[in-house]
Amino acid sequence: MTFNDVYDYLDKRGYGDRVMSFSVSSATVELAAGAVGCEPARIAKTLSFITEEGAILIVTAGDMKVDNRKFKDVFKQKARMIPFERVEELTGFKPGGVCPFLAKEGVKVYLDASLSRFDVVYPAAGSSNSAVKLTVNELSLLCSSCGTVDVTRPIEYS
């Protein structure tokens, strides 16, 4: 999938005016927050994992990281991120541009509970230099979320 595919998908649903494309990279939480002009926590980062059932995407707040114990409690298996070289093959998106919209068929999308503290969040829009402004409810609807999970903990900065 490409930025244009995601833009078209969102535009057909009335959200095209909220899609942003940047002249700078938004491939990391910090870069995305700078490009959008928001706090890093509001960046809805999409993490890709490989499970026994296939690839899954977990969308979490930018200031969180996956807690292995919580992940195992929810998914009954160890958290294993998709290797960089297999991300596009398994999700349909290039690393740095993985987003929760239009993932390959069979890829399940979950929203992490960490997003619920925000009125507005900014997930990627299919490229490493894009984002879209959405409420968490809009995000859930547009990505056909399989539900909300609690599999993260705050990133500890030293």
N, C-alpha and C. Protein backbone atom coordinates (compact mmCIF):
# COMPACT_ATOMS: atom_id res chain seq x y z
N MET A 1 0.83 -1.19 0.00
CA MET A 1 0.00 0.00 0.00
C MET A 1 0.88 1.25 0.00
N THR A 2 0.31 2.29 -0.51
CA THR A 2 1.04 3.55 -0.61
C THR A 2 0.25 4.66 0.08
N PHE A 3 0.90 5.80 0.20
CA PHE A 3 0.23 6.98 0.73
C PHE A 3 -1.03 7.27 -0.07
N ASN A 4 -0.94 7.20 -1.41
CA ASN A 4 -2.09 7.50 -2.25
C ASN A 4 -3.26 6.56 -1.99
N ASP A 5 -2.96 5.27 -1.79
CA ASP A 5 -4.01 4.30 -1.48
C ASP A 5 -4.71 4.67 -0.17
N VAL A 6 -3.91 5.00 0.84
CA VAL A 6 -4.47 5.35 2.14
C VAL A 6 -5.24 6.66 2.04
N TYR A 7 -4.68 7.65 1.35
CA TYR A 7 -5.39 8.91 1.17
C TYR A 7 -6.74 8.68 0.51
N ASP A 8 -6.76 7.91 -0.56
CA ASP A 8 -8.02 7.64 -1.27
C ASP A 8 -9.04 6.96 -0.34
N TYR A 9 -8.57 6.00 0.43
CA TYR A 9 -9.43 5.29 1.38
C TYR A 9 -10.04 6.26 2.39
N LEU A 10 -9.20 7.12 2.96
CA LEU A 10 -9.68 8.08 3.95
C LEU A 10 -10.56 9.15 3.31
N ASP A 11 -10.19 9.61 2.13
CA ASP A 11 -10.95 10.65 1.44
C ASP A 11 -12.36 10.17 1.11
N LYS A 12 -12.49 8.94 0.65
CA LYS A 12 -13.81 8.38 0.31
C LYS A 12 -14.71 8.28 1.53
N ARG A 13 -14.13 8.30 2.71
CA ARG A 13 -14.89 8.21 3.95
C ARG A 13 -15.04 9.57 4.64
N GLY A 14 -14.60 10.63 3.95
CA GLY A 14 -14.79 11.97 4.46
C GLY A 14 -13.67 12.50 5.33
N TYR A 15 -12.50 11.85 5.31
CA TYR A 15 -11.39 12.26 6.17
C TYR A 15 -10.18 12.77 5.38
N GLY A 16 -10.33 12.96 4.10
CA GLY A 16 -9.21 13.39 3.27
C GLY A 16 -8.61 14.72 3.69
N ASP A 17 -9.46 15.63 4.20
CA ASP A 17 -8.96 16.94 4.61
C ASP A 17 -8.12 16.88 5.88
N ARG A 18 -8.08 15.72 6.53
CA ARG A 18 -7.28 15.58 7.76
C ARG A 18 -5.93 14.90 7.52
N VAL A 19 -5.72 14.45 6.29
CA VAL A 19 -4.45 13.79 5.96
C VAL A 19 -3.38 14.85 5.73
N MET A 20 -2.22 14.61 6.32
CA MET A 20 -1.09 15.53 6.20
C MET A 20 0.08 14.82 5.52
N SER A 21 0.74 15.53 4.63
CA SER A 21 1.95 15.03 3.99
C SER A 21 3.05 16.05 4.28
N PHE A 22 4.21 15.56 4.67
CA PHE A 22 5.29 16.44 5.10
C PHE A 22 6.48 16.37 4.15
N SER A 23 7.26 17.45 4.15
CA SER A 23 8.50 17.46 3.37
C SER A 23 9.65 16.86 4.16
N VAL A 24 9.37 16.51 5.42
CA VAL A 24 10.36 15.87 6.29
C VAL A 24 9.84 14.50 6.72
N SER A 25 10.73 13.67 7.21
CA SER A 25 10.35 12.33 7.66
C SER A 25 9.47 12.38 8.91
N SER A 26 8.54 11.46 8.98
CA SER A 26 7.73 11.25 10.18
C SER A 26 7.81 9.77 10.57
N ALA A 27 8.94 9.14 10.26
CA ALA A 27 9.10 7.70 10.43
C ALA A 27 9.28 7.26 11.87
N THR A 28 9.59 8.18 12.77
CA THR A 28 9.69 7.84 14.19
C THR A 28 8.73 8.72 14.97
N VAL A 29 8.46 8.35 16.19
CA VAL A 29 7.55 9.14 17.02
C VAL A 29 8.05 10.57 17.14
N GLU A 30 9.34 10.75 17.41
CA GLU A 30 9.90 12.08 17.60
C GLU A 30 9.80 12.91 16.33
N LEU A 31 10.14 12.30 15.19
CA LEU A 31 10.06 13.02 13.92
C LEU A 31 8.61 13.36 13.58
N ALA A 32 7.70 12.43 13.82
CA ALA A 32 6.29 12.66 13.53
C ALA A 32 5.73 13.78 14.40
N ALA A 33 6.07 13.77 15.69
CA ALA A 33 5.60 14.81 16.59
C ALA A 33 6.10 16.19 16.14
N GLY A 34 7.34 16.25 15.69
CA GLY A 34 7.89 17.50 15.18
C GLY A 34 7.18 17.95 13.92
N ALA A 35 6.91 17.02 13.02
CA ALA A 35 6.24 17.36 11.76
C ALA A 35 4.80 17.80 12.00
N VAL A 36 4.10 17.10 12.89
CA VAL A 36 2.70 17.42 13.18
C VAL A 36 2.59 18.66 14.05
N GLY A 37 3.54 18.81 14.99
CA GLY A 37 3.49 19.91 15.95
C GLY A 37 2.68 19.54 17.18
N CYS A 38 2.88 18.31 17.65
CA CYS A 38 2.16 17.85 18.84
C CYS A 38 3.13 17.15 19.78
N GLU A 39 2.64 16.79 20.96
CA GLU A 39 3.48 16.04 21.89
C GLU A 39 3.65 14.62 21.36
N PRO A 40 4.81 13.99 21.59
CA PRO A 40 5.06 12.64 21.08
C PRO A 40 4.01 11.61 21.49
N ALA A 41 3.45 11.73 22.67
CA ALA A 41 2.47 10.75 23.13
C ALA A 41 1.25 10.67 22.22
N ARG A 42 0.92 11.75 21.51
CA ARG A 42 -0.26 11.77 20.63
C ARG A 42 -0.01 11.11 19.28
N ILE A 43 1.23 10.75 19.01
CA ILE A 43 1.51 10.01 17.78
C ILE A 43 1.05 8.57 18.00
N ALA A 44 0.14 8.11 17.18
CA ALA A 44 -0.38 6.74 17.29
C ALA A 44 0.51 5.83 16.45
N LYS A 45 1.52 5.26 17.12
CA LYS A 45 2.47 4.44 16.37
C LYS A 45 1.89 3.04 16.17
N THR A 46 2.16 2.50 14.99
CA THR A 46 1.66 1.18 14.64
C THR A 46 2.82 0.20 14.68
N LEU A 47 2.74 -0.74 15.63
CA LEU A 47 3.78 -1.75 15.81
C LEU A 47 3.33 -3.05 15.17
N SER A 48 4.24 -3.72 14.47
CA SER A 48 3.88 -4.94 13.76
C SER A 48 4.53 -6.15 14.41
N PHE A 49 3.70 -7.17 14.64
CA PHE A 49 4.13 -8.40 15.30
C PHE A 49 3.76 -9.61 14.47
N ILE A 50 4.55 -10.65 14.61
CA ILE A 50 4.24 -11.93 13.98
C ILE A 50 3.77 -12.87 15.08
N THR A 51 2.63 -13.50 14.84
CA THR A 51 2.07 -14.45 15.80
C THR A 51 1.84 -15.78 15.10
N GLU A 52 1.43 -16.76 15.86
CA GLU A 52 1.13 -18.07 15.27
C GLU A 52 -0.01 -17.96 14.27
N GLU A 53 -0.88 -16.97 14.44
CA GLU A 53 -2.02 -16.78 13.54
C GLU A 53 -1.69 -15.86 12.37
N GLY A 54 -0.50 -15.26 12.35
CA GLY A 54 -0.12 -14.33 11.30
C GLY A 54 0.25 -12.99 11.87
N ALA A 55 0.34 -12.01 11.00
CA ALA A 55 0.75 -10.66 11.41
C ALA A 55 -0.40 -9.95 12.12
N ILE A 56 -0.03 -9.17 13.14
CA ILE A 56 -0.99 -8.28 13.80
C ILE A 56 -0.35 -6.91 13.94
N LEU A 57 -1.18 -5.90 13.99
CA LEU A 57 -0.73 -4.53 14.21
C LEU A 57 -1.34 -4.05 15.51
N ILE A 58 -0.53 -3.41 16.33
CA ILE A 58 -1.01 -2.81 17.55
C ILE A 58 -0.70 -1.32 17.49
N VAL A 59 -1.75 -0.52 17.59
CA VAL A 59 -1.60 0.93 17.54
C VAL A 59 -1.58 1.43 18.98
N THR A 60 -0.50 2.12 19.33
CA THR A 60 -0.30 2.56 20.71
C THR A 60 0.12 4.02 20.76
N ALA A 61 -0.04 4.62 21.91
CA ALA A 61 0.41 6.00 22.09
C ALA A 61 1.93 6.06 21.95
N GLY A 62 2.42 7.18 21.47
CA GLY A 62 3.84 7.35 21.18
C GLY A 62 4.77 7.27 22.37
N ASP A 63 4.25 7.41 23.57
CA ASP A 63 5.10 7.36 24.76
C ASP A 63 5.06 6.00 25.46
N MET A 64 4.59 4.99 24.75
CA MET A 64 4.46 3.66 25.32
C MET A 64 5.30 2.65 24.54
N LYS A 65 5.60 1.53 25.21
CA LYS A 65 6.26 0.41 24.54
C LYS A 65 5.56 -0.87 24.97
N VAL A 66 5.72 -1.90 24.19
CA VAL A 66 5.06 -3.16 24.49
C VAL A 66 5.67 -3.78 25.74
N ASP A 67 4.81 -4.22 26.62
CA ASP A 67 5.20 -4.94 27.82
C ASP A 67 5.05 -6.42 27.50
N ASN A 68 6.18 -7.14 27.50
CA ASN A 68 6.16 -8.54 27.08
C ASN A 68 5.20 -9.40 27.89
N ARG A 69 5.13 -9.19 29.18
CA ARG A 69 4.24 -9.98 30.04
C ARG A 69 2.78 -9.72 29.67
N LYS A 70 2.42 -8.46 29.49
CA LYS A 70 1.05 -8.12 29.11
C LYS A 70 0.70 -8.70 27.74
N PHE A 71 1.63 -8.61 26.81
CA PHE A 71 1.40 -9.15 25.47
C PHE A 71 1.12 -10.63 25.56
N LYS A 72 1.95 -11.35 26.31
CA LYS A 72 1.77 -12.80 26.44
C LYS A 72 0.46 -13.13 27.13
N ASP A 73 0.06 -12.35 28.11
CA ASP A 73 -1.22 -12.57 28.79
C ASP A 73 -2.40 -12.43 27.82
N VAL A 74 -2.32 -11.47 26.92
CA VAL A 74 -3.41 -11.22 25.98
C VAL A 74 -3.39 -12.19 24.80
N PHE A 75 -2.21 -12.37 24.19
CA PHE A 75 -2.13 -13.14 22.95
C PHE A 75 -1.64 -14.58 23.14
N LYS A 76 -1.31 -14.94 24.37
CA LYS A 76 -0.90 -16.31 24.72
C LYS A 76 0.35 -16.77 23.99
N GLN A 77 1.22 -15.81 23.67
CA GLN A 77 2.49 -16.10 23.05
C GLN A 77 3.43 -14.92 23.22
N LYS A 78 4.70 -15.18 23.05
CA LYS A 78 5.72 -14.15 23.21
C LYS A 78 5.58 -13.08 22.12
N ALA A 79 5.84 -11.83 22.49
CA ALA A 79 5.82 -10.73 21.53
C ALA A 79 7.05 -10.84 20.63
N ARG A 80 6.81 -10.96 19.34
CA ARG A 80 7.90 -11.00 18.36
C ARG A 80 7.59 -10.00 17.26
N MET A 81 8.39 -8.95 17.22
CA MET A 81 8.20 -7.95 16.16
C MET A 81 8.58 -8.56 14.82
N ILE A 82 7.91 -8.09 13.79
CA ILE A 82 8.23 -8.56 12.44
C ILE A 82 9.60 -8.02 12.07
N PRO A 83 10.51 -8.87 11.59
CA PRO A 83 11.82 -8.39 11.17
C PRO A 83 11.69 -7.31 10.08
N PHE A 84 12.54 -6.31 10.15
CA PHE A 84 12.53 -5.17 9.23
C PHE A 84 12.34 -5.60 7.78
N GLU A 85 13.09 -6.59 7.34
CA GLU A 85 13.06 -7.00 5.94
C GLU A 85 11.77 -7.72 5.54
N ARG A 86 10.91 -8.05 6.50
CA ARG A 86 9.66 -8.75 6.19
C ARG A 86 8.42 -7.89 6.45
N VAL A 87 8.62 -6.68 6.94
CA VAL A 87 7.48 -5.83 7.30
C VAL A 87 6.56 -5.59 6.11
N GLU A 88 7.11 -5.16 4.99
CA GLU A 88 6.26 -4.86 3.83
C GLU A 88 5.56 -6.12 3.32
N GLU A 89 6.28 -7.21 3.25
CA GLU A 89 5.71 -8.48 2.79
C GLU A 89 4.49 -8.89 3.64
N LEU A 90 4.59 -8.73 4.95
CA LEU A 90 3.55 -9.23 5.84
C LEU A 90 2.44 -8.22 6.13
N THR A 91 2.76 -6.91 6.08
CA THR A 91 1.75 -5.90 6.42
C THR A 91 1.22 -5.14 5.21
N GLY A 92 2.03 -5.07 4.16
CA GLY A 92 1.65 -4.27 2.99
C GLY A 92 2.26 -2.88 3.00
N PHE A 93 2.98 -2.55 4.06
CA PHE A 93 3.59 -1.23 4.18
C PHE A 93 5.08 -1.32 4.41
N LYS A 94 5.80 -0.31 3.92
CA LYS A 94 7.23 -0.24 4.16
C LYS A 94 7.49 0.18 5.60
N PRO A 95 8.60 -0.29 6.19
CA PRO A 95 8.95 0.16 7.55
C PRO A 95 9.02 1.69 7.61
N GLY A 96 8.51 2.24 8.70
CA GLY A 96 8.46 3.70 8.85
C GLY A 96 7.16 4.28 8.35
N GLY A 97 6.41 3.50 7.59
CA GLY A 97 5.13 3.97 7.07
C GLY A 97 3.98 3.03 7.36
N VAL A 98 4.22 2.06 8.24
CA VAL A 98 3.15 1.12 8.59
C VAL A 98 2.03 1.90 9.26
N CYS A 99 0.84 1.68 8.78
CA CYS A 99 -0.31 2.36 9.37
C CYS A 99 -1.44 1.36 9.55
N PRO A 100 -2.44 1.71 10.32
CA PRO A 100 -3.50 0.75 10.61
C PRO A 100 -4.58 0.63 9.53
N PHE A 101 -4.47 1.37 8.45
CA PHE A 101 -5.48 1.35 7.40
C PHE A 101 -5.00 0.53 6.22
N LEU A 102 -5.86 -0.31 5.68
CA LEU A 102 -5.59 -1.06 4.45
C LEU A 102 -4.43 -2.05 4.57
N ALA A 103 -4.21 -2.60 5.74
CA ALA A 103 -3.18 -3.62 5.87
C ALA A 103 -3.57 -4.82 5.02
N LYS A 104 -2.61 -5.66 4.73
CA LYS A 104 -2.87 -6.85 3.91
C LYS A 104 -4.00 -7.67 4.52
N GLU A 105 -4.72 -8.36 3.66
CA GLU A 105 -5.82 -9.20 4.12
C GLU A 105 -5.34 -10.20 5.17
N GLY A 106 -6.10 -10.33 6.21
CA GLY A 106 -5.76 -11.26 7.28
C GLY A 106 -5.00 -10.65 8.43
N VAL A 107 -4.46 -9.44 8.23
CA VAL A 107 -3.73 -8.76 9.30
C VAL A 107 -4.76 -8.13 10.25
N LYS A 108 -4.68 -8.50 11.51
CA LYS A 108 -5.61 -7.96 12.50
C LYS A 108 -5.00 -6.71 13.14
N VAL A 109 -5.86 -5.73 13.41
CA VAL A 109 -5.44 -4.47 14.01
C VAL A 109 -6.10 -4.33 15.38
N TYR A 110 -5.28 -4.01 16.38
CA TYR A 110 -5.77 -3.77 17.74
C TYR A 110 -5.33 -2.37 18.17
N LEU A 111 -6.17 -1.71 18.95
CA LEU A 111 -5.80 -0.43 19.54
C LEU A 111 -5.41 -0.69 20.99
N ASP A 112 -4.32 -0.07 21.43
CA ASP A 112 -3.90 -0.21 22.81
C ASP A 112 -4.66 0.79 23.68
N ALA A 113 -4.94 0.39 24.89
CA ALA A 113 -5.68 1.23 25.84
C ALA A 113 -4.99 2.57 26.09
N SER A 114 -3.71 2.67 25.83
CA SER A 114 -2.97 3.92 26.07
C SER A 114 -3.49 5.08 25.23
N LEU A 115 -4.16 4.78 24.13
CA LEU A 115 -4.69 5.84 23.26
C LEU A 115 -5.91 6.53 23.87
N SER A 116 -6.59 5.85 24.77
CA SER A 116 -7.88 6.34 25.27
C SER A 116 -7.78 7.63 26.07
N ARG A 117 -6.60 8.03 26.47
CA ARG A 117 -6.46 9.27 27.25
C ARG A 117 -6.46 10.53 26.39
N PHE A 118 -6.50 10.35 25.08
CA PHE A 118 -6.43 11.49 24.16
C PHE A 118 -7.73 11.68 23.39
N ASP A 119 -8.04 12.95 23.10
CA ASP A 119 -9.18 13.24 22.24
C ASP A 119 -8.78 13.05 20.78
N VAL A 120 -7.56 13.44 20.42
CA VAL A 120 -7.07 13.35 19.04
C VAL A 120 -5.71 12.68 19.03
N VAL A 121 -5.49 11.81 18.03
CA VAL A 121 -4.20 11.16 17.83
C VAL A 121 -3.83 11.25 16.36
N TYR A 122 -2.56 10.92 16.06
CA TYR A 122 -2.04 11.07 14.70
C TYR A 122 -1.32 9.81 14.25
N PRO A 123 -2.03 8.87 13.62
CA PRO A 123 -1.35 7.71 13.04
C PRO A 123 -0.75 8.08 11.67
N ALA A 124 0.16 7.25 11.22
CA ALA A 124 0.74 7.42 9.88
C ALA A 124 -0.35 7.19 8.83
N ALA A 125 -0.12 7.71 7.64
CA ALA A 125 -1.10 7.57 6.56
C ALA A 125 -0.48 6.85 5.36
N GLY A 126 0.34 5.84 5.64
CA GLY A 126 0.83 4.99 4.57
C GLY A 126 2.19 5.33 4.00
N SER A 127 2.88 6.28 4.60
CA SER A 127 4.24 6.62 4.15
C SER A 127 5.04 7.11 5.34
N SER A 128 6.32 7.27 5.13
CA SER A 128 7.21 7.72 6.21
C SER A 128 7.26 9.25 6.32
N ASN A 129 6.31 9.93 5.67
CA ASN A 129 6.23 11.38 5.79
C ASN A 129 4.77 11.85 5.76
N SER A 130 3.93 11.13 6.53
CA SER A 130 2.51 11.47 6.55
C SER A 130 1.87 11.17 7.89
N ALA A 131 0.69 11.73 8.11
CA ALA A 131 -0.11 11.45 9.29
C ALA A 131 -1.54 11.87 8.99
N VAL A 132 -2.45 11.43 9.86
CA VAL A 132 -3.84 11.83 9.75
C VAL A 132 -4.36 12.13 11.15
N LYS A 133 -5.13 13.20 11.27
CA LYS A 133 -5.67 13.63 12.56
C LYS A 133 -7.03 12.97 12.77
N LEU A 134 -7.13 12.14 13.83
CA LEU A 134 -8.37 11.40 14.10
C LEU A 134 -8.66 11.32 15.59
N THR A 135 -9.93 11.18 15.93
CA THR A 135 -10.26 10.80 17.29
C THR A 135 -9.99 9.31 17.42
N VAL A 136 -9.91 8.82 18.63
CA VAL A 136 -9.67 7.38 18.82
C VAL A 136 -10.85 6.58 18.28
N ASN A 137 -12.05 7.06 18.44
CA ASN A 137 -13.21 6.36 17.89
C ASN A 137 -13.17 6.31 16.37
N GLU A 138 -12.78 7.40 15.74
CA GLU A 138 -12.64 7.41 14.27
C GLU A 138 -11.56 6.43 13.84
N LEU A 139 -10.44 6.44 14.55
CA LEU A 139 -9.35 5.51 14.25
C LEU A 139 -9.85 4.07 14.33
N SER A 140 -10.56 3.75 15.39
CA SER A 140 -11.08 2.39 15.58
C SER A 140 -11.98 1.98 14.42
N LEU A 141 -12.86 2.86 14.02
CA LEU A 141 -13.77 2.59 12.92
C LEU A 141 -13.03 2.43 11.60
N LEU A 142 -12.14 3.35 11.30
CA LEU A 142 -11.46 3.37 10.01
C LEU A 142 -10.46 2.22 9.82
N CYS A 143 -9.92 1.71 10.92
CA CYS A 143 -8.95 0.61 10.78
C CYS A 143 -9.58 -0.75 11.03
N SER A 144 -10.91 -0.76 11.21
CA SER A 144 -11.61 -2.02 11.50
C SER A 144 -10.94 -2.76 12.65
N SER A 145 -10.77 -2.04 13.74
CA SER A 145 -10.09 -2.59 14.91
C SER A 145 -10.78 -3.86 15.41
N CYS A 146 -9.96 -4.81 15.81
CA CYS A 146 -10.47 -6.04 16.42
C CYS A 146 -10.77 -5.83 17.90
N GLY A 147 -10.47 -4.63 18.40
CA GLY A 147 -10.76 -4.31 19.79
C GLY A 147 -9.60 -3.61 20.45
N THR A 148 -9.81 -3.31 21.73
CA THR A 148 -8.79 -2.64 22.53
C THR A 148 -8.10 -3.66 23.42
N VAL A 149 -6.79 -3.54 23.48
CA VAL A 149 -5.98 -4.39 24.35
C VAL A 149 -5.13 -3.50 25.25
N ASP A 150 -4.64 -4.08 26.32
CA ASP A 150 -3.74 -3.35 27.23
C ASP A 150 -2.44 -4.13 27.27
N VAL A 151 -1.52 -3.77 26.38
CA VAL A 151 -0.27 -4.52 26.25
C VAL A 151 0.98 -3.64 26.32
N THR A 152 0.83 -2.43 26.86
CA THR A 152 1.98 -1.52 26.88
C THR A 152 2.27 -0.99 28.27
N ARG A 153 3.43 -0.34 28.36
CA ARG A 153 3.82 0.39 29.57
C ARG A 153 4.60 1.62 29.11
N PRO A 154 4.69 2.63 29.98
CA PRO A 154 5.39 3.85 29.56
C PRO A 154 6.87 3.60 29.27
N ILE A 155 7.37 4.33 28.29
CA ILE A 155 8.80 4.31 27.99
C ILE A 155 9.50 5.08 29.11
N GLU A 156 10.53 4.50 29.66
CA GLU A 156 11.29 5.16 30.72
C GLU A 156 12.51 5.82 30.11
N TYR A 157 12.57 7.11 30.23
CA TYR A 157 13.69 7.87 29.70
C TYR A 157 14.71 8.09 30.83
N SER A 158 15.98 7.97 30.49
CA SER A 158 17.01 8.21 31.53
C SER A 158 17.77 9.46 31.27
